[in-house]
Structure formats: structure tokens, C-alpha cells
Amino acid sequence: MTFSISIVICTHNRASELKYCLRSIFNYSTDDIKEILVVDNASTDQTKNLITNFSKKIPNLRYIYEQKQGLPYARNCGWKNATGDIIYS
């Protein structure tokens, strides 16, 4: 039995750290990963532009904007939008 995996990454104004996180994921095999969701929790930095650039390299990368600031809002948003059988946050 195989399961599809969704990775949910919540972030707020941490584009530079997010870049390293995405590079790390990109260096591993993503065959078992159905999607990688980055939930932008009301960031005002370059998070959206970073995701746009990385989505050219990682086709299953999705950007979601959550305007209500706070980790619980971001996690719930990611969980509601994830389509995998297993959700890793």
C-alpha cells in the first residue's frame, strides 16, 4: 500500500531561511511527495517571489497566502488545502 505525502511549510517573513529549506527538499528525491505547500502567513518580505522562482524547479510546490497571522491559522490553512494521504507539517 502506498500513500501520498503533503509537506506543509508555514512561514512569516523568513524568506532567507525558507530558501535553505526548499533547497534541502529539492536535493532529496520527491517521488513520494505529492505536494509541498508553503503557507505564507501574512509575510511582507520576498516570500511570494521566492516561491515563484522555486516552483520552476519543484513542480509540485504550491503557494498559499493566509492573511490571519499566527501559526495555528497557517497550519489549519495548510491542512485544509493539502491533498495527500499523510500531511507533514
PDB file of N, CA and C in Angstrom:
ATOM      1  N   MET A   1       0.845  -1.174   0.000  1.00  0.00           N
ATOM      2  CA  MET A   1       0.000   0.000   0.000  1.00  0.00           C
ATOM      3  C   MET A   1       0.896   1.245   0.000  1.00  0.00           C
ATOM      4  N   THR A   2       0.609   2.168  -0.868  1.00  0.00           N
ATOM      5  CA  THR A   2       1.375   3.411  -0.914  1.00  0.00           C
ATOM      6  C   THR A   2       0.496   4.585  -0.517  1.00  0.00           C
ATOM      7  N   PHE A   3       1.134   5.567   0.057  1.00  0.00           N
ATOM      8  CA  PHE A   3       0.444   6.766   0.492  1.00  0.00           C
ATOM      9  C   PHE A   3       1.082   7.976  -0.174  1.00  0.00           C
ATOM     10  N   SER A   4       0.270   8.973  -0.438  1.00  0.00           N
ATOM     11  CA  SER A   4       0.817  10.230  -0.946  1.00  0.00           C
ATOM     12  C   SER A   4       1.090  11.153   0.234  1.00  0.00           C
ATOM     13  N   ILE A   5       2.136  11.949   0.110  1.00  0.00           N
ATOM     14  CA  ILE A   5       2.579  12.800   1.199  1.00  0.00           C
ATOM     15  C   ILE A   5       2.460  14.263   0.809  1.00  0.00           C
ATOM     16  N   SER A   6       1.908  15.054   1.717  1.00  0.00           N
ATOM     17  CA  SER A   6       1.891  16.511   1.583  1.00  0.00           C
ATOM     18  C   SER A   6       2.793  17.085   2.657  1.00  0.00           C
ATOM     19  N   ILE A   7       3.701  17.963   2.252  1.00  0.00           N
ATOM     20  CA  ILE A   7       4.544  18.674   3.208  1.00  0.00           C
ATOM     21  C   ILE A   7       4.014  20.092   3.297  1.00  0.00           C
ATOM     22  N   VAL A   8       3.729  20.546   4.510  1.00  0.00           N
ATOM     23  CA  VAL A   8       3.223  21.896   4.737  1.00  0.00           C
ATOM     24  C   VAL A   8       4.299  22.686   5.480  1.00  0.00           C
ATOM     25  N   ILE A   9       4.723  23.796   4.885  1.00  0.00           N
ATOM     26  CA  ILE A   9       5.725  24.669   5.486  1.00  0.00           C
ATOM     27  C   ILE A   9       5.053  26.011   5.762  1.00  0.00           C
ATOM     28  N   CYS A  10       4.966  26.378   7.027  1.00  0.00           N
ATOM     29  CA  CYS A  10       4.375  27.662   7.413  1.00  0.00           C
ATOM     30  C   CYS A  10       5.503  28.658   7.625  1.00  0.00           C
ATOM     31  N   THR A  11       5.319  29.874   7.110  1.00  0.00           N
ATOM     32  CA  THR A  11       6.375  30.874   7.231  1.00  0.00           C
ATOM     33  C   THR A  11       5.808  32.275   7.385  1.00  0.00           C
ATOM     34  N   HIS A  12       6.570  33.102   8.062  1.00  0.00           N
ATOM     35  CA  HIS A  12       6.230  34.523   8.209  1.00  0.00           C
ATOM     36  C   HIS A  12       7.529  35.328   8.194  1.00  0.00           C
ATOM     37  N   ASN A  13       7.735  36.079   7.109  1.00  0.00           N
ATOM     38  CA  ASN A  13       8.912  36.946   6.959  1.00  0.00           C
ATOM     39  C   ASN A  13      10.233  36.221   7.208  1.00  0.00           C
ATOM     40  N   ARG A  14      10.356  35.047   6.613  1.00  0.00           N
ATOM     41  CA  ARG A  14      11.591  34.271   6.758  1.00  0.00           C
ATOM     42  C   ARG A  14      12.034  33.739   5.399  1.00  0.00           C
ATOM     43  N   ALA A  15      12.009  34.589   4.399  1.00  0.00           N
ATOM     44  CA  ALA A  15      12.336  34.159   3.033  1.00  0.00           C
ATOM     45  C   ALA A  15      13.740  33.572   2.944  1.00  0.00           C
ATOM     46  N   SER A  16      14.698  34.157   3.629  1.00  0.00           N
ATOM     47  CA  SER A  16      16.069  33.641   3.535  1.00  0.00           C
ATOM     48  C   SER A  16      16.168  32.232   4.122  1.00  0.00           C
ATOM     49  N   GLU A  17      15.502  31.969   5.243  1.00  0.00           N
ATOM     50  CA  GLU A  17      15.502  30.630   5.825  1.00  0.00           C
ATOM     51  C   GLU A  17      14.698  29.659   4.964  1.00  0.00           C
ATOM     52  N   LEU A  18      13.624  30.136   4.380  1.00  0.00           N
ATOM     53  CA  LEU A  18      12.786  29.301   3.518  1.00  0.00           C
ATOM     54  C   LEU A  18      13.572  28.821   2.305  1.00  0.00           C
ATOM     55  N   LYS A  19      14.438  29.666   1.790  1.00  0.00           N
ATOM     56  CA  LYS A  19      15.264  29.290   0.642  1.00  0.00           C
ATOM     57  C   LYS A  19      16.097  28.053   0.965  1.00  0.00           C
ATOM     58  N   TYR A  20      16.712  28.028   2.144  1.00  0.00           N
ATOM     59  CA  TYR A  20      17.526  26.872   2.540  1.00  0.00           C
ATOM     60  C   TYR A  20      16.662  25.631   2.736  1.00  0.00           C
ATOM     61  N   CYS A  21      15.498  25.817   3.284  1.00  0.00           N
ATOM     62  CA  CYS A  21      14.573  24.697   3.491  1.00  0.00           C
ATOM     63  C   CYS A  21      14.171  24.076   2.150  1.00  0.00           C
ATOM     64  N   LEU A  22      13.806  24.905   1.203  1.00  0.00           N
ATOM     65  CA  LEU A  22      13.385  24.399  -0.110  1.00  0.00           C
ATOM     66  C   LEU A  22      14.540  23.766  -0.867  1.00  0.00           C
ATOM     67  N   ARG A  23      15.721  24.332  -0.742  1.00  0.00           N
ATOM     68  CA  ARG A  23      16.897  23.714  -1.383  1.00  0.00           C
ATOM     69  C   ARG A  23      17.142  22.324  -0.818  1.00  0.00           C
ATOM     70  N   SER A  24      16.986  22.194   0.489  1.00  0.00           N
ATOM     71  CA  SER A  24      17.189  20.903   1.133  1.00  0.00           C
ATOM     72  C   SER A  24      16.188  19.870   0.621  1.00  0.00           C
ATOM     73  N   ILE A  25      14.928  20.256   0.520  1.00  0.00           N
ATOM     74  CA  ILE A  25      13.905  19.344  -0.002  1.00  0.00           C
ATOM     75  C   ILE A  25      14.197  18.990  -1.449  1.00  0.00           C
ATOM     76  N   PHE A  26      14.614  19.978  -2.229  1.00  0.00           N
ATOM     77  CA  PHE A  26      14.895  19.765  -3.652  1.00  0.00           C
ATOM     78  C   PHE A  26      16.032  18.770  -3.857  1.00  0.00           C
ATOM     79  N   ASN A  27      16.985  18.732  -2.919  1.00  0.00           N
ATOM     80  CA  ASN A  27      18.122  17.828  -3.040  1.00  0.00           C
ATOM     81  C   ASN A  27      17.758  16.370  -2.775  1.00  0.00           C
ATOM     82  N   TYR A  28      16.621  16.133  -2.165  1.00  0.00           N
ATOM     83  CA  TYR A  28      16.166  14.771  -1.922  1.00  0.00           C
ATOM     84  C   TYR A  28      15.194  14.358  -3.017  1.00  0.00           C
ATOM     85  N   SER A  29      14.979  13.080  -3.143  1.00  0.00           N
ATOM     86  CA  SER A  29      14.003  12.577  -4.098  1.00  0.00           C
ATOM     87  C   SER A  29      12.607  12.993  -3.653  1.00  0.00           C
ATOM     88  N   THR A  30      11.855  13.557  -4.556  1.00  0.00           N
ATOM     89  CA  THR A  30      10.498  13.992  -4.224  1.00  0.00           C
ATOM     90  C   THR A  30       9.456  13.101  -4.881  1.00  0.00           C
ATOM     91  N   ASP A  31       9.847  11.885  -5.262  1.00  0.00           N
ATOM     92  CA  ASP A  31       8.922  10.978  -5.944  1.00  0.00           C
ATOM     93  C   ASP A  31       7.717  10.611  -5.089  1.00  0.00           C
ATOM     94  N   ASP A  32       7.917  10.458  -3.775  1.00  0.00           N
ATOM     95  CA  ASP A  32       6.825  10.076  -2.886  1.00  0.00           C
ATOM     96  C   ASP A  32       6.034  11.271  -2.366  1.00  0.00           C
ATOM     97  N   ILE A  33       6.513  12.459  -2.669  1.00  0.00           N
ATOM     98  CA  ILE A  33       5.855  13.662  -2.176  1.00  0.00           C
ATOM     99  C   ILE A  33       4.868  14.167  -3.222  1.00  0.00           C
ATOM    100  N   LYS A  34       3.616  14.173  -2.847  1.00  0.00           N
ATOM    101  CA  LYS A  34       2.573  14.633  -3.767  1.00  0.00           C
ATOM    102  C   LYS A  34       2.642  16.137  -3.959  1.00  0.00           C
ATOM    103  N   GLU A  35       2.888  16.855  -2.861  1.00  0.00           N
ATOM    104  CA  GLU A  35       2.901  18.316  -2.942  1.00  0.00           C
ATOM    105  C   GLU A  35       3.671  18.893  -1.774  1.00  0.00           C
ATOM    106  N   ILE A  36       4.195  20.084  -2.005  1.00  0.00           N
ATOM    107  CA  ILE A  36       4.838  20.868  -0.966  1.00  0.00           C
ATOM    108  C   ILE A  36       4.082  22.184  -0.929  1.00  0.00           C
ATOM    109  N   LEU A  37       3.419  22.445   0.174  1.00  0.00           N
ATOM    110  CA  LEU A  37       2.644  23.673   0.317  1.00  0.00           C
ATOM    111  C   LEU A  37       3.400  24.636   1.220  1.00  0.00           C
ATOM    112  N   VAL A  38       3.620  25.838   0.742  1.00  0.00           N
ATOM    113  CA  VAL A  38       4.194  26.883   1.580  1.00  0.00           C
ATOM    114  C   VAL A  38       3.064  27.835   1.924  1.00  0.00           C
ATOM    115  N   VAL A  39       2.758  27.910   3.207  1.00  0.00           N
ATOM    116  CA  VAL A  39       1.715  28.813   3.678  1.00  0.00           C
ATOM    117  C   VAL A  39       2.393  30.092   4.146  1.00  0.00           C
ATOM    118  N   ASP A  40       2.185  31.132   3.386  1.00  0.00           N
ATOM    119  CA  ASP A  40       2.732  32.449   3.685  1.00  0.00           C
ATOM    120  C   ASP A  40       1.785  33.123   4.670  1.00  0.00           C
ATOM    121  N   ASN A  41       2.234  33.257   5.902  1.00  0.00           N
ATOM    122  CA  ASN A  41       1.382  33.780   6.966  1.00  0.00           C
ATOM    123  C   ASN A  41       1.558  35.293   7.101  1.00  0.00           C
ATOM    124  N   ALA A  42       0.985  36.012   6.126  1.00  0.00           N
ATOM    125  CA  ALA A  42       0.974  37.477   6.108  1.00  0.00           C
ATOM    126  C   ALA A  42       2.368  38.082   6.064  1.00  0.00           C
ATOM    127  N   SER A  43       3.262  37.465   5.291  1.00  0.00           N
ATOM    128  CA  SER A  43       4.622  37.991   5.168  1.00  0.00           C
ATOM    129  C   SER A  43       4.637  39.292   4.374  1.00  0.00           C
ATOM    130  N   THR A  44       5.626  40.110   4.680  1.00  0.00           N
ATOM    131  CA  THR A  44       5.823  41.356   3.945  1.00  0.00           C
ATOM    132  C   THR A  44       7.180  41.376   3.252  1.00  0.00           C
ATOM    133  N   ASP A  45       7.874  40.246   3.254  1.00  0.00           N
ATOM    134  CA  ASP A  45       9.176  40.159   2.603  1.00  0.00           C
ATOM    135  C   ASP A  45       9.025  39.534   1.212  1.00  0.00           C
ATOM    136  N   GLN A  46      10.042  38.903   0.716  1.00  0.00           N
ATOM    137  CA  GLN A  46      10.059  38.352  -0.644  1.00  0.00           C
ATOM    138  C   GLN A  46       9.606  36.883  -0.720  1.00  0.00           C
ATOM    139  N   THR A  47       8.821  36.431   0.228  1.00  0.00           N
ATOM    140  CA  THR A  47       8.393  35.034   0.260  1.00  0.00           C
ATOM    141  C   THR A  47       7.681  34.613  -1.023  1.00  0.00           C
ATOM    142  N   LYS A  48       6.729  35.376  -1.487  1.00  0.00           N
ATOM    143  CA  LYS A  48       5.973  35.005  -2.683  1.00  0.00           C
ATOM    144  C   LYS A  48       6.888  34.917  -3.903  1.00  0.00           C
ATOM    145  N   ASN A  49       7.796  35.868  -4.075  1.00  0.00           N
ATOM    146  CA  ASN A  49       8.729  35.831  -5.205  1.00  0.00           C
ATOM    147  C   ASN A  49       9.637  34.608  -5.133  1.00  0.00           C
ATOM    148  N   LEU A  50      10.071  34.262  -3.938  1.00  0.00           N
ATOM    149  CA  LEU A  50      10.921  33.095  -3.754  1.00  0.00           C
ATOM    150  C   LEU A  50      10.193  31.825  -4.202  1.00  0.00           C
ATOM    151  N   ILE A  51       8.939  31.690  -3.804  1.00  0.00           N
ATOM    152  CA  ILE A  51       8.157  30.510  -4.179  1.00  0.00           C
ATOM    153  C   ILE A  51       7.937  30.470  -5.692  1.00  0.00           C
ATOM    154  N   THR A  52       7.689  31.615  -6.285  1.00  0.00           N
ATOM    155  CA  THR A  52       7.514  31.684  -7.738  1.00  0.00           C
ATOM    156  C   THR A  52       8.767  31.165  -8.443  1.00  0.00           C
ATOM    157  N   ASN A  53       9.936  31.564  -7.974  1.00  0.00           N
ATOM    158  CA  ASN A  53      11.189  31.100  -8.582  1.00  0.00           C
ATOM    159  C   ASN A  53      11.426  29.612  -8.353  1.00  0.00           C
ATOM    160  N   PHE A  54      11.169  29.135  -7.146  1.00  0.00           N
ATOM    161  CA  PHE A  54      11.382  27.721  -6.844  1.00  0.00           C
ATOM    162  C   PHE A  54      10.370  26.817  -7.545  1.00  0.00           C
ATOM    163  N   SER A  55       9.185  27.319  -7.833  1.00  0.00           N
ATOM    164  CA  SER A  55       8.180  26.476  -8.481  1.00  0.00           C
ATOM    165  C   SER A  55       8.612  26.070  -9.889  1.00  0.00           C
ATOM    166  N   LYS A  56       9.580  26.762 -10.461  1.00  0.00           N
ATOM    167  CA  LYS A  56      10.134  26.366 -11.758  1.00  0.00           C
ATOM    168  C   LYS A  56      10.981  25.106 -11.632  1.00  0.00           C
ATOM    169  N   LYS A  57      11.561  24.895 -10.446  1.00  0.00           N
ATOM    170  CA  LYS A  57      12.401  23.728 -10.185  1.00  0.00           C
ATOM    171  C   LYS A  57      11.622  22.597  -9.518  1.00  0.00           C
ATOM    172  N   ILE A  58      10.645  22.966  -8.729  1.00  0.00           N
ATOM    173  CA  ILE A  58       9.852  21.990  -7.974  1.00  0.00           C
ATOM    174  C   ILE A  58       8.401  22.108  -8.447  1.00  0.00           C
ATOM    175  N   PRO A  59       7.987  21.259  -9.386  1.00  0.00           N
ATOM    176  CA  PRO A  59       6.651  21.416  -9.986  1.00  0.00           C
ATOM    177  C   PRO A  59       5.484  21.189  -9.026  1.00  0.00           C
ATOM    178  N   ASN A  60       5.703  20.440  -7.954  1.00  0.00           N
ATOM    179  CA  ASN A  60       4.605  20.175  -7.023  1.00  0.00           C
ATOM    180  C   ASN A  60       4.600  21.139  -5.837  1.00  0.00           C
ATOM    181  N   LEU A  61       5.280  22.277  -6.001  1.00  0.00           N
ATOM    182  CA  LEU A  61       5.322  23.318  -4.974  1.00  0.00           C
ATOM    183  C   LEU A  61       4.132  24.251  -5.152  1.00  0.00           C
ATOM    184  N   ARG A  62       3.408  24.480  -4.060  1.00  0.00           N
ATOM    185  CA  ARG A  62       2.239  25.371  -4.100  1.00  0.00           C
ATOM    186  C   ARG A  62       2.377  26.479  -3.079  1.00  0.00           C
ATOM    187  N   TYR A  63       1.940  27.664  -3.460  1.00  0.00           N
ATOM    188  CA  TYR A  63       1.971  28.843  -2.595  1.00  0.00           C
ATOM    189  C   TYR A  63       0.552  29.134  -2.133  1.00  0.00           C
ATOM    190  N   ILE A  64       0.393  29.343  -0.825  1.00  0.00           N
ATOM    191  CA  ILE A  64      -0.918  29.695  -0.264  1.00  0.00           C
ATOM    192  C   ILE A  64      -0.694  30.876   0.676  1.00  0.00           C
ATOM    193  N   TYR A  65      -1.529  31.879   0.565  1.00  0.00           N
ATOM    194  CA  TYR A  65      -1.431  33.057   1.421  1.00  0.00           C
ATOM    195  C   TYR A  65      -2.504  32.980   2.500  1.00  0.00           C
ATOM    196  N   GLU A  66      -2.093  33.113   3.754  1.00  0.00           N
ATOM    197  CA  GLU A  66      -3.021  33.164   4.890  1.00  0.00           C
ATOM    198  C   GLU A  66      -2.869  34.523   5.547  1.00  0.00           C
ATOM    199  N   GLN A  67      -3.919  35.319   5.487  1.00  0.00           N
ATOM    200  CA  GLN A  67      -3.824  36.689   5.988  1.00  0.00           C
ATOM    201  C   GLN A  67      -3.896  36.809   7.505  1.00  0.00           C
ATOM    202  N   LYS A  68      -4.525  35.853   8.186  1.00  0.00           N
ATOM    203  CA  LYS A  68      -4.595  35.901   9.647  1.00  0.00           C
ATOM    204  C   LYS A  68      -3.267  35.415  10.208  1.00  0.00           C
ATOM    205  N   GLN A  69      -2.569  36.310  10.882  1.00  0.00           N
ATOM    206  CA  GLN A  69      -1.250  35.969  11.383  1.00  0.00           C
ATOM    207  C   GLN A  69      -1.345  35.084  12.621  1.00  0.00           C
ATOM    208  N   GLY A  70      -0.489  34.087  12.647  1.00  0.00           N
ATOM    209  CA  GLY A  70      -0.421  33.151  13.771  1.00  0.00           C
ATOM    210  C   GLY A  70      -0.249  31.731  13.251  1.00  0.00           C
ATOM    211  N   LEU A  71       0.609  30.989  13.909  1.00  0.00           N
ATOM    212  CA  LEU A  71       0.903  29.625  13.472  1.00  0.00           C
ATOM    213  C   LEU A  71      -0.335  28.729  13.408  1.00  0.00           C
ATOM    214  N   PRO A  72      -1.263  28.793  14.360  1.00  0.00           N
ATOM    215  CA  PRO A  72      -2.455  27.938  14.243  1.00  0.00           C
ATOM    216  C   PRO A  72      -3.255  28.217  12.959  1.00  0.00           C
ATOM    217  N   TYR A  73      -3.361  29.489  12.571  1.00  0.00           N
ATOM    218  CA  TYR A  73      -4.078  29.823  11.332  1.00  0.00           C
ATOM    219  C   TYR A  73      -3.347  29.260  10.117  1.00  0.00           C
ATOM    220  N   ALA A  74      -2.030  29.411  10.117  1.00  0.00           N
ATOM    221  CA  ALA A  74      -1.236  28.916   8.995  1.00  0.00           C
ATOM    222  C   ALA A  74      -1.322  27.390   8.893  1.00  0.00           C
ATOM    223  N   ARG A  75      -1.195  26.701  10.012  1.00  0.00           N
ATOM    224  CA  ARG A  75      -1.265  25.231   9.986  1.00  0.00           C
ATOM    225  C   ARG A  75      -2.642  24.743   9.528  1.00  0.00           C
ATOM    226  N   ASN A  76      -3.690  25.362  10.050  1.00  0.00           N
ATOM    227  CA  ASN A  76      -5.037  24.969   9.632  1.00  0.00           C
ATOM    228  C   ASN A  76      -5.258  25.234   8.155  1.00  0.00           C
ATOM    229  N   CYS A  77      -4.738  26.336   7.660  1.00  0.00           N
ATOM    230  CA  CYS A  77      -4.851  26.646   6.239  1.00  0.00           C
ATOM    231  C   CYS A  77      -4.135  25.579   5.408  1.00  0.00           C
ATOM    232  N   GLY A  78      -2.939  25.211   5.828  1.00  0.00           N
ATOM    233  CA  GLY A  78      -2.185  24.175   5.120  1.00  0.00           C
ATOM    234  C   GLY A  78      -2.898  22.845   5.151  1.00  0.00           C
ATOM    235  N   TRP A  79      -3.413  22.482   6.297  1.00  0.00           N
ATOM    236  CA  TRP A  79      -4.128  21.209   6.440  1.00  0.00           C
ATOM    237  C   TRP A  79      -5.366  21.178   5.546  1.00  0.00           C
ATOM    238  N   LYS A  80      -6.095  22.278   5.490  1.00  0.00           N
ATOM    239  CA  LYS A  80      -7.314  22.331   4.678  1.00  0.00           C
ATOM    240  C   LYS A  80      -7.015  22.265   3.188  1.00  0.00           C
ATOM    241  N   ASN A  81      -5.853  22.732   2.774  1.00  0.00           N
ATOM    242  CA  ASN A  81      -5.503  22.760   1.354  1.00  0.00           C
ATOM    243  C   ASN A  81      -4.693  21.553   0.900  1.00  0.00           C
ATOM    244  N   ALA A  82      -4.185  20.776   1.830  1.00  0.00           N
ATOM    245  CA  ALA A  82      -3.384  19.603   1.480  1.00  0.00           C
ATOM    246  C   ALA A  82      -4.268  18.499   0.900  1.00  0.00           C
ATOM    247  N   THR A  83      -3.719  17.794  -0.068  1.00  0.00           N
ATOM    248  CA  THR A  83      -4.484  16.722  -0.722  1.00  0.00           C
ATOM    249  C   THR A  83      -3.860  15.343  -0.537  1.00  0.00           C
ATOM    250  N   GLY A  84      -2.737  15.265   0.173  1.00  0.00           N
ATOM    251  CA  GLY A  84      -2.081  13.979   0.385  1.00  0.00           C
ATOM    252  C   GLY A  84      -2.768  13.144   1.446  1.00  0.00           C
ATOM    253  N   ASP A  85      -2.421  11.862   1.464  1.00  0.00           N
ATOM    254  CA  ASP A  85      -2.955  10.955   2.488  1.00  0.00           C
ATOM    255  C   ASP A  85      -2.313  11.235   3.844  1.00  0.00           C
ATOM    256  N   ILE A  86      -1.034  11.600   3.809  1.00  0.00           N
ATOM    257  CA  ILE A  86      -0.279  11.924   5.023  1.00  0.00           C
ATOM    258  C   ILE A  86       0.155  13.371   4.903  1.00  0.00           C
ATOM    259  N   ILE A  87      -0.066  14.136   5.977  1.00  0.00           N
ATOM    260  CA  ILE A  87       0.298  15.549   5.972  1.00  0.00           C
ATOM    261  C   ILE A  87       1.393  15.746   7.009  1.00  0.00           C
ATOM    262  N   TYR A  88       2.528  16.237   6.552  1.00  0.00           N
ATOM    263  CA  TYR A  88       3.675  16.501   7.417  1.00  0.00           C
ATOM    264  C   TYR A  88       3.849  18.003   7.541  1.00  0.00           C
ATOM    265  N   SER A  89       3.811  18.496   8.763  1.00  0.00           N
ATOM    266  CA  SER A  89       3.925  19.945   8.984  1.00  0.00           C
ATOM    267  C   SER A  89       5.008  20.233   9.983  1.00  0.00           C
TER     268      SER A  89
END
